[in-house]
């Protein structure tokens, strides 16, 4: 299977997201496939794994709960 990368317009998170965290707008959405890790996804997009974790509140701090088919917000590069 090949990863699905869907470009989207940058967006900010709703105000319900915890404040004080370094949140970047999404540059695209990524669909998780078997074997994905936050490190591998971050490498694909040129962002840090912790930026992916912070940009996706459903992902736990260790990034151990990714689900196949889950959509992830990929923050803008350099985040």
C-alpha atoms as a PDB file:
ATOM      1  CA  UNK A   1       0.000   0.000   0.000  1.00  0.00           C
ATOM      2  CA  UNK A   2       1.133   3.518  -0.738  1.00  0.00           C
ATOM      3  CA  UNK A   3       0.493   6.348   1.707  1.00  0.00           C
ATOM      4  CA  UNK A   4      -2.338   8.716   0.941  1.00  0.00           C
ATOM      5  CA  UNK A   5      -1.338  12.357   1.127  1.00  0.00           C
ATOM      6  CA  UNK A   6      -4.143  14.883   0.809  1.00  0.00           C
ATOM      7  CA  UNK A   7      -3.129  18.564   0.671  1.00  0.00           C
ATOM      8  CA  UNK A   8      -5.503  20.888   2.498  1.00  0.00           C
ATOM      9  CA  UNK A   9      -5.696  24.566   3.213  1.00  0.00           C
ATOM     10  CA  UNK A  10      -3.919  25.459   6.473  1.00  0.00           C
ATOM     11  CA  UNK A  11      -6.264  25.600   9.405  1.00  0.00           C
ATOM     12  CA  UNK A  12      -6.056  26.395  13.102  1.00  0.00           C
ATOM     13  CA  UNK A  13      -7.378  24.164  15.839  1.00  0.00           C
ATOM     14  CA  UNK A  14     -10.579  25.014  17.640  1.00  0.00           C
ATOM     15  CA  UNK A  15     -10.236  26.978  20.854  1.00  0.00           C
ATOM     16  CA  UNK A  16     -11.019  23.794  22.815  1.00  0.00           C
ATOM     17  CA  UNK A  17      -7.457  22.599  22.117  1.00  0.00           C
ATOM     18  CA  UNK A  18      -5.173  23.146  25.117  1.00  0.00           C
ATOM     19  CA  UNK A  19      -3.555  26.563  25.106  1.00  0.00           C
ATOM     20  CA  UNK A  20       0.132  27.246  25.546  1.00  0.00           C
ATOM     21  CA  UNK A  21       1.257  24.482  23.199  1.00  0.00           C
ATOM     22  CA  UNK A  22       3.226  25.226  20.013  1.00  0.00           C
ATOM     23  CA  UNK A  23       0.521  24.387  17.478  1.00  0.00           C
ATOM     24  CA  UNK A  24       1.077  24.747  13.748  1.00  0.00           C
ATOM     25  CA  UNK A  25      -1.612  24.756  11.104  1.00  0.00           C
ATOM     26  CA  UNK A  26      -2.047  21.576   9.085  1.00  0.00           C
ATOM     27  CA  UNK A  27      -0.260  21.579   5.754  1.00  0.00           C
ATOM     28  CA  UNK A  28      -1.865  18.270   4.770  1.00  0.00           C
ATOM     29  CA  UNK A  29      -3.643  15.229   6.120  1.00  0.00           C
ATOM     30  CA  UNK A  30      -2.082  11.769   6.157  1.00  0.00           C
ATOM     31  CA  UNK A  31      -3.832   8.388   6.378  1.00  0.00           C
ATOM     32  CA  UNK A  32      -2.012   5.957   8.685  1.00  0.00           C
ATOM     33  CA  UNK A  33      -1.006   2.614   7.147  1.00  0.00           C
ATOM     34  CA  UNK A  34       0.286  -0.588   8.725  1.00  0.00           C
ATOM     35  CA  UNK A  35       3.702  -0.120  10.338  1.00  0.00           C
ATOM     36  CA  UNK A  36       3.592   3.693  10.515  1.00  0.00           C
ATOM     37  CA  UNK A  37       5.247   5.505  13.404  1.00  0.00           C
ATOM     38  CA  UNK A  38       5.295   9.208  14.194  1.00  0.00           C
ATOM     39  CA  UNK A  39       9.046   9.223  13.491  1.00  0.00           C
ATOM     40  CA  UNK A  40       8.571   7.660  10.038  1.00  0.00           C
ATOM     41  CA  UNK A  41       5.666   9.961   9.163  1.00  0.00           C
ATOM     42  CA  UNK A  42       7.651  12.963  10.380  1.00  0.00           C
ATOM     43  CA  UNK A  43      10.599  11.957   8.194  1.00  0.00           C
ATOM     44  CA  UNK A  44       8.286  11.677   5.166  1.00  0.00           C
ATOM     45  CA  UNK A  45       7.034  15.226   5.682  1.00  0.00           C
ATOM     46  CA  UNK A  46      10.122  16.893   7.141  1.00  0.00           C
ATOM     47  CA  UNK A  47       8.585  17.558  10.560  1.00  0.00           C
ATOM     48  CA  UNK A  48       9.417  16.317  14.044  1.00  0.00           C
ATOM     49  CA  UNK A  49       7.463  13.427  15.547  1.00  0.00           C
ATOM     50  CA  UNK A  50       6.577  15.546  18.586  1.00  0.00           C
ATOM     51  CA  UNK A  51       5.004  18.133  16.268  1.00  0.00           C
ATOM     52  CA  UNK A  52       2.768  15.421  14.823  1.00  0.00           C
ATOM     53  CA  UNK A  53       1.823  14.318  18.341  1.00  0.00           C
ATOM     54  CA  UNK A  54       1.011  17.898  19.428  1.00  0.00           C
ATOM     55  CA  UNK A  55      -1.008  18.505  16.265  1.00  0.00           C
ATOM     56  CA  UNK A  56      -3.156  15.408  16.811  1.00  0.00           C
ATOM     57  CA  UNK A  57      -4.800  15.313  20.254  1.00  0.00           C
ATOM     58  CA  UNK A  58      -5.942  11.694  19.736  1.00  0.00           C
ATOM     59  CA  UNK A  59      -2.314  10.516  19.484  1.00  0.00           C
ATOM     60  CA  UNK A  60      -0.761   9.677  22.854  1.00  0.00           C
ATOM     61  CA  UNK A  61       2.579  11.124  23.997  1.00  0.00           C
ATOM     62  CA  UNK A  62       4.494   7.971  23.017  1.00  0.00           C
ATOM     63  CA  UNK A  63       2.703   7.714  19.645  1.00  0.00           C
ATOM     64  CA  UNK A  64       1.786   4.101  20.348  1.00  0.00           C
ATOM     65  CA  UNK A  65      -1.918   4.331  19.532  1.00  0.00           C
ATOM     66  CA  UNK A  66      -1.905   4.998  15.767  1.00  0.00           C
ATOM     67  CA  UNK A  67      -4.699   3.136  13.991  1.00  0.00           C
ATOM     68  CA  UNK A  68      -4.674   2.005  10.348  1.00  0.00           C
ATOM     69  CA  UNK A  69      -6.921   4.406   8.427  1.00  0.00           C
ATOM     70  CA  UNK A  70      -6.597   7.178  11.036  1.00  0.00           C
ATOM     71  CA  UNK A  71      -6.264  10.668   9.550  1.00  0.00           C
ATOM     72  CA  UNK A  72      -3.448  12.765  10.965  1.00  0.00           C
ATOM     73  CA  UNK A  73      -2.918  16.496  10.674  1.00  0.00           C
ATOM     74  CA  UNK A  74       0.596  17.116   9.355  1.00  0.00           C
ATOM     75  CA  UNK A  75       1.839  20.457  10.655  1.00  0.00           C
ATOM     76  CA  UNK A  76       3.638  22.901   8.404  1.00  0.00           C
ATOM     77  CA  UNK A  77       7.333  22.181   7.744  1.00  0.00           C
ATOM     78  CA  UNK A  78       9.763  23.314  10.332  1.00  0.00           C
ATOM     79  CA  UNK A  79       7.244  22.817  13.101  1.00  0.00           C
END
